Amino acid sequence: MSFNTTANHPTNRPNYVEITHHTDRHAITIAYSYATPIGFQASAYANGRSFVRVNDWGPTTGRHLNEWHPNHSKHHRIPGDEFLRHLSDAMQATFAPAPAEVAR
């Protein structure tokens, strides 16, 4: 499996970044506030739905959450532990080998 990674700084500030990992078959984009994942979207998980966690920190992370998904209702944000479970599952779905690769 091959993959590449791209980073995007949409606010031109180093404390907010969106990193996309592309594999041969799938992609996942993870938004970070500083070093903390705060949102993600994966083509191989939950039909590409976006996930956003609640703001457990402060106003700067709140701005980053709004930057990641400006039209996402705060009522749809999920607790951190649930978010991390979804992120882990999405990473596994994104980087799982294709069935032909498993058989080798």
N, C-alpha and C. Protein backbone atom coordinates (compact mmCIF):
# COMPACT_ATOMS: atom_id res chain seq x y z
N MET A 1 0.85 -1.17 0.00
CA MET A 1 0.00 0.00 0.00
C MET A 1 0.89 1.24 0.00
N SER A 2 0.54 2.18 -0.81
CA SER A 2 1.26 3.45 -0.81
C SER A 2 0.33 4.54 -0.29
N PHE A 3 0.91 5.58 0.26
CA PHE A 3 0.11 6.71 0.69
C PHE A 3 0.96 7.96 0.69
N ASN A 4 0.26 9.10 0.66
CA ASN A 4 0.95 10.37 0.79
C ASN A 4 0.16 11.26 1.73
N THR A 5 0.80 12.28 2.21
CA THR A 5 0.22 13.16 3.21
C THR A 5 0.36 14.60 2.76
N THR A 6 -0.70 15.38 2.96
CA THR A 6 -0.65 16.81 2.69
C THR A 6 -1.13 17.55 3.93
N ALA A 7 -0.58 18.73 4.15
CA ALA A 7 -0.99 19.57 5.28
C ALA A 7 -1.52 20.89 4.75
N ASN A 8 -2.58 21.36 5.37
CA ASN A 8 -3.22 22.60 4.97
C ASN A 8 -3.37 23.48 6.21
N HIS A 9 -2.94 24.73 6.13
CA HIS A 9 -3.10 25.71 7.20
C HIS A 9 -4.10 26.77 6.74
N PRO A 10 -5.41 26.47 6.78
CA PRO A 10 -6.38 27.42 6.21
C PRO A 10 -6.44 28.76 6.91
N THR A 11 -6.01 28.83 8.17
CA THR A 11 -6.04 30.11 8.88
C THR A 11 -4.69 30.83 8.83
N ASN A 12 -3.70 30.18 8.17
CA ASN A 12 -2.33 30.71 8.11
C ASN A 12 -1.71 30.85 9.48
N ARG A 13 -2.20 30.07 10.45
CA ARG A 13 -1.62 30.05 11.79
C ARG A 13 -1.10 28.65 12.05
N PRO A 14 0.08 28.51 12.66
CA PRO A 14 0.64 27.18 12.86
C PRO A 14 -0.09 26.34 13.90
N ASN A 15 -0.97 26.94 14.72
CA ASN A 15 -1.63 26.16 15.76
C ASN A 15 -2.91 25.47 15.27
N TYR A 16 -3.27 25.63 14.00
CA TYR A 16 -4.42 24.92 13.42
C TYR A 16 -3.98 24.34 12.08
N VAL A 17 -4.16 23.03 11.92
CA VAL A 17 -3.76 22.39 10.67
C VAL A 17 -4.74 21.27 10.33
N GLU A 18 -4.95 21.07 9.06
CA GLU A 18 -5.72 19.93 8.55
C GLU A 18 -4.75 19.05 7.78
N ILE A 19 -4.62 17.80 8.20
CA ILE A 19 -3.70 16.87 7.56
C ILE A 19 -4.51 15.78 6.87
N THR A 20 -4.24 15.57 5.59
CA THR A 20 -4.93 14.54 4.82
C THR A 20 -3.95 13.44 4.45
N HIS A 21 -4.34 12.21 4.75
CA HIS A 21 -3.57 11.02 4.37
C HIS A 21 -4.34 10.33 3.25
N HIS A 22 -3.69 10.15 2.11
CA HIS A 22 -4.29 9.47 0.96
C HIS A 22 -3.62 8.11 0.80
N THR A 23 -4.44 7.06 0.75
CA THR A 23 -3.92 5.73 0.42
C THR A 23 -4.32 5.43 -1.01
N ASP A 24 -4.02 4.23 -1.46
CA ASP A 24 -4.43 3.83 -2.81
C ASP A 24 -5.94 3.85 -2.97
N ARG A 25 -6.67 3.60 -1.89
CA ARG A 25 -8.12 3.45 -1.97
C ARG A 25 -8.92 4.49 -1.20
N HIS A 26 -8.37 5.07 -0.15
CA HIS A 26 -9.14 5.93 0.75
C HIS A 26 -8.35 7.17 1.15
N ALA A 27 -9.06 8.08 1.83
CA ALA A 27 -8.42 9.27 2.39
C ALA A 27 -9.07 9.59 3.73
N ILE A 28 -8.27 10.15 4.61
CA ILE A 28 -8.79 10.65 5.88
C ILE A 28 -8.17 12.02 6.12
N THR A 29 -8.99 12.99 6.51
CA THR A 29 -8.52 14.32 6.87
C THR A 29 -8.79 14.51 8.36
N ILE A 30 -7.76 14.91 9.08
CA ILE A 30 -7.86 15.13 10.52
C ILE A 30 -7.50 16.58 10.80
N ALA A 31 -8.37 17.27 11.53
CA ALA A 31 -8.11 18.66 11.92
C ALA A 31 -7.52 18.65 13.32
N TYR A 32 -6.48 19.45 13.50
CA TYR A 32 -5.80 19.53 14.79
C TYR A 32 -5.84 20.96 15.32
N SER A 33 -6.09 21.08 16.61
CA SER A 33 -5.87 22.32 17.34
C SER A 33 -4.62 22.07 18.17
N TYR A 34 -3.57 22.77 17.83
CA TYR A 34 -2.25 22.47 18.39
C TYR A 34 -1.94 21.02 18.04
N ALA A 35 -1.74 20.12 19.00
CA ALA A 35 -1.44 18.72 18.68
C ALA A 35 -2.62 17.80 18.94
N THR A 36 -3.80 18.36 19.19
CA THR A 36 -4.98 17.57 19.56
C THR A 36 -5.92 17.42 18.38
N PRO A 37 -6.28 16.19 18.01
CA PRO A 37 -7.28 16.02 16.95
C PRO A 37 -8.65 16.50 17.42
N ILE A 38 -9.29 17.34 16.62
CA ILE A 38 -10.58 17.90 17.01
C ILE A 38 -11.70 17.57 16.03
N GLY A 39 -11.35 17.09 14.85
CA GLY A 39 -12.35 16.73 13.85
C GLY A 39 -11.72 15.85 12.80
N PHE A 40 -12.55 15.06 12.13
CA PHE A 40 -12.03 14.25 11.03
C PHE A 40 -13.15 13.87 10.09
N GLN A 41 -12.74 13.47 8.90
CA GLN A 41 -13.64 12.94 7.88
C GLN A 41 -12.84 11.88 7.12
N ALA A 42 -13.42 10.67 7.00
CA ALA A 42 -12.73 9.57 6.33
C ALA A 42 -13.64 8.97 5.28
N SER A 43 -13.11 8.79 4.09
CA SER A 43 -13.91 8.24 2.99
C SER A 43 -14.32 6.80 3.25
N ALA A 44 -13.56 6.06 4.05
CA ALA A 44 -13.83 4.64 4.29
C ALA A 44 -14.64 4.39 5.56
N TYR A 45 -15.16 5.46 6.19
CA TYR A 45 -15.83 5.29 7.49
C TYR A 45 -17.10 6.13 7.55
N ALA A 46 -18.18 5.52 7.99
CA ALA A 46 -19.45 6.21 8.23
C ALA A 46 -19.91 7.03 7.02
N ASN A 47 -19.73 6.47 5.83
CA ASN A 47 -20.14 7.12 4.59
C ASN A 47 -19.54 8.52 4.42
N GLY A 48 -18.35 8.73 4.94
CA GLY A 48 -17.67 10.01 4.77
C GLY A 48 -18.17 11.12 5.67
N ARG A 49 -18.96 10.78 6.69
CA ARG A 49 -19.51 11.77 7.62
C ARG A 49 -18.38 12.47 8.39
N SER A 50 -18.56 13.75 8.69
CA SER A 50 -17.61 14.50 9.51
C SER A 50 -17.91 14.27 10.99
N PHE A 51 -16.85 14.15 11.77
CA PHE A 51 -16.98 14.03 13.22
C PHE A 51 -16.27 15.19 13.86
N VAL A 52 -16.89 15.79 14.86
CA VAL A 52 -16.32 16.93 15.59
C VAL A 52 -16.52 16.68 17.08
N ARG A 53 -15.47 16.90 17.85
CA ARG A 53 -15.59 16.68 19.29
C ARG A 53 -16.01 17.96 20.00
N VAL A 54 -16.47 17.82 21.23
CA VAL A 54 -16.83 18.99 22.02
C VAL A 54 -15.57 19.76 22.40
N ASN A 55 -15.73 21.01 22.73
CA ASN A 55 -14.61 21.84 23.12
C ASN A 55 -14.35 21.65 24.62
N ASP A 56 -13.29 20.92 24.94
CA ASP A 56 -12.91 20.70 26.34
C ASP A 56 -11.82 21.66 26.78
N TRP A 57 -11.49 22.66 25.96
CA TRP A 57 -10.35 23.51 26.25
C TRP A 57 -10.74 24.97 26.41
N GLY A 58 -10.74 25.74 25.36
CA GLY A 58 -11.01 27.16 25.51
C GLY A 58 -11.36 27.83 24.20
N PRO A 59 -11.31 29.18 24.19
CA PRO A 59 -11.78 29.92 23.01
C PRO A 59 -10.96 29.70 21.74
N THR A 60 -9.66 29.49 21.87
CA THR A 60 -8.86 29.27 20.66
C THR A 60 -9.25 27.96 20.00
N THR A 61 -9.36 26.90 20.78
CA THR A 61 -9.80 25.62 20.22
C THR A 61 -11.22 25.74 19.69
N GLY A 62 -12.06 26.52 20.35
CA GLY A 62 -13.41 26.76 19.85
C GLY A 62 -13.39 27.37 18.46
N ARG A 63 -12.49 28.30 18.21
CA ARG A 63 -12.35 28.89 16.87
C ARG A 63 -11.88 27.84 15.87
N HIS A 64 -10.97 26.98 16.32
CA HIS A 64 -10.49 25.92 15.43
C HIS A 64 -11.61 24.93 15.10
N LEU A 65 -12.44 24.59 16.08
CA LEU A 65 -13.59 23.71 15.83
C LEU A 65 -14.52 24.34 14.80
N ASN A 66 -14.76 25.63 14.94
CA ASN A 66 -15.63 26.32 13.99
C ASN A 66 -14.98 26.44 12.62
N GLU A 67 -13.66 26.54 12.57
CA GLU A 67 -12.94 26.58 11.30
C GLU A 67 -13.07 25.24 10.58
N TRP A 68 -12.95 24.16 11.34
CA TRP A 68 -13.03 22.82 10.74
C TRP A 68 -14.39 22.61 10.11
N HIS A 69 -15.43 22.96 10.81
CA HIS A 69 -16.77 22.71 10.28
C HIS A 69 -17.68 23.86 10.67
N PRO A 70 -17.64 24.96 9.91
CA PRO A 70 -18.37 26.18 10.30
C PRO A 70 -19.87 26.01 10.42
N ASN A 71 -20.46 25.08 9.70
CA ASN A 71 -21.92 24.92 9.75
C ASN A 71 -22.35 23.77 10.65
N HIS A 72 -21.42 23.21 11.41
CA HIS A 72 -21.70 22.07 12.27
C HIS A 72 -22.29 22.58 13.58
N SER A 73 -23.49 22.13 13.91
CA SER A 73 -24.14 22.55 15.15
C SER A 73 -23.36 22.04 16.36
N LYS A 74 -23.23 22.87 17.36
CA LYS A 74 -22.55 22.46 18.59
C LYS A 74 -23.28 21.29 19.24
N HIS A 75 -24.56 21.14 18.95
CA HIS A 75 -25.34 20.03 19.52
C HIS A 75 -24.92 18.68 18.93
N HIS A 76 -24.26 18.69 17.78
CA HIS A 76 -23.83 17.45 17.14
C HIS A 76 -22.40 17.07 17.48
N ARG A 77 -21.73 17.87 18.27
CA ARG A 77 -20.37 17.53 18.69
C ARG A 77 -20.44 16.40 19.71
N ILE A 78 -19.43 15.53 19.68
CA ILE A 78 -19.47 14.35 20.53
C ILE A 78 -18.37 14.42 21.60
N PRO A 79 -18.58 13.73 22.74
CA PRO A 79 -17.58 13.74 23.81
C PRO A 79 -16.24 13.18 23.32
N GLY A 80 -15.17 13.62 23.95
CA GLY A 80 -13.82 13.25 23.54
C GLY A 80 -13.56 11.77 23.45
N ASP A 81 -14.02 10.99 24.44
CA ASP A 81 -13.75 9.55 24.41
C ASP A 81 -14.47 8.87 23.25
N GLU A 82 -15.68 9.29 22.96
CA GLU A 82 -16.42 8.76 21.82
C GLU A 82 -15.76 9.17 20.50
N PHE A 83 -15.33 10.42 20.43
CA PHE A 83 -14.63 10.92 19.25
C PHE A 83 -13.38 10.10 18.97
N LEU A 84 -12.59 9.84 20.01
CA LEU A 84 -11.35 9.08 19.82
C LEU A 84 -11.61 7.64 19.39
N ARG A 85 -12.69 7.03 19.86
CA ARG A 85 -13.06 5.68 19.40
C ARG A 85 -13.39 5.72 17.91
N HIS A 86 -14.18 6.71 17.48
CA HIS A 86 -14.52 6.84 16.06
C HIS A 86 -13.26 7.10 15.22
N LEU A 87 -12.37 7.96 15.71
CA LEU A 87 -11.14 8.26 14.98
C LEU A 87 -10.29 7.00 14.84
N SER A 88 -10.18 6.23 15.89
CA SER A 88 -9.40 4.98 15.82
C SER A 88 -10.01 4.02 14.80
N ASP A 89 -11.33 3.87 14.82
CA ASP A 89 -12.00 2.99 13.85
C ASP A 89 -11.81 3.51 12.42
N ALA A 90 -11.88 4.82 12.25
CA ALA A 90 -11.72 5.40 10.92
C ALA A 90 -10.29 5.21 10.40
N MET A 91 -9.31 5.33 11.29
CA MET A 91 -7.92 5.10 10.88
C MET A 91 -7.73 3.65 10.46
N GLN A 92 -8.33 2.73 11.21
CA GLN A 92 -8.22 1.31 10.84
C GLN A 92 -8.87 1.05 9.49
N ALA A 93 -10.04 1.65 9.26
CA ALA A 93 -10.73 1.46 7.98
C ALA A 93 -9.93 2.07 6.82
N THR A 94 -9.31 3.21 7.06
CA THR A 94 -8.55 3.88 6.01
C THR A 94 -7.29 3.12 5.64
N PHE A 95 -6.58 2.61 6.63
CA PHE A 95 -5.28 1.99 6.37
C PHE A 95 -5.32 0.47 6.34
N ALA A 96 -6.52 -0.12 6.40
CA ALA A 96 -6.62 -1.58 6.29
C ALA A 96 -6.18 -2.02 4.91
N PRO A 97 -5.46 -3.13 4.83
CA PRO A 97 -5.04 -3.60 3.50
C PRO A 97 -6.24 -4.07 2.68
N ALA A 98 -6.12 -3.96 1.39
CA ALA A 98 -7.16 -4.46 0.49
C ALA A 98 -7.23 -5.98 0.65
N PRO A 99 -8.40 -6.57 0.40
CA PRO A 99 -8.54 -8.02 0.55
C PRO A 99 -7.47 -8.81 -0.19
N ALA A 100 -7.08 -8.40 -1.37
CA ALA A 100 -6.03 -9.09 -2.13
C ALA A 100 -4.69 -9.02 -1.42
N GLU A 101 -4.42 -7.91 -0.71
CA GLU A 101 -3.17 -7.77 0.01
C GLU A 101 -3.13 -8.68 1.22
N VAL A 102 -4.26 -8.91 1.86
CA VAL A 102 -4.32 -9.77 3.03
C VAL A 102 -4.04 -11.21 2.63
N ALA A 103 -4.51 -11.62 1.48
CA ALA A 103 -4.37 -13.01 1.01
C ALA A 103 -2.93 -13.37 0.66
N ARG A 104 -2.09 -12.40 0.41
CA ARG A 104 -0.71 -12.67 -0.01
C ARG A 104 0.11 -13.28 1.09
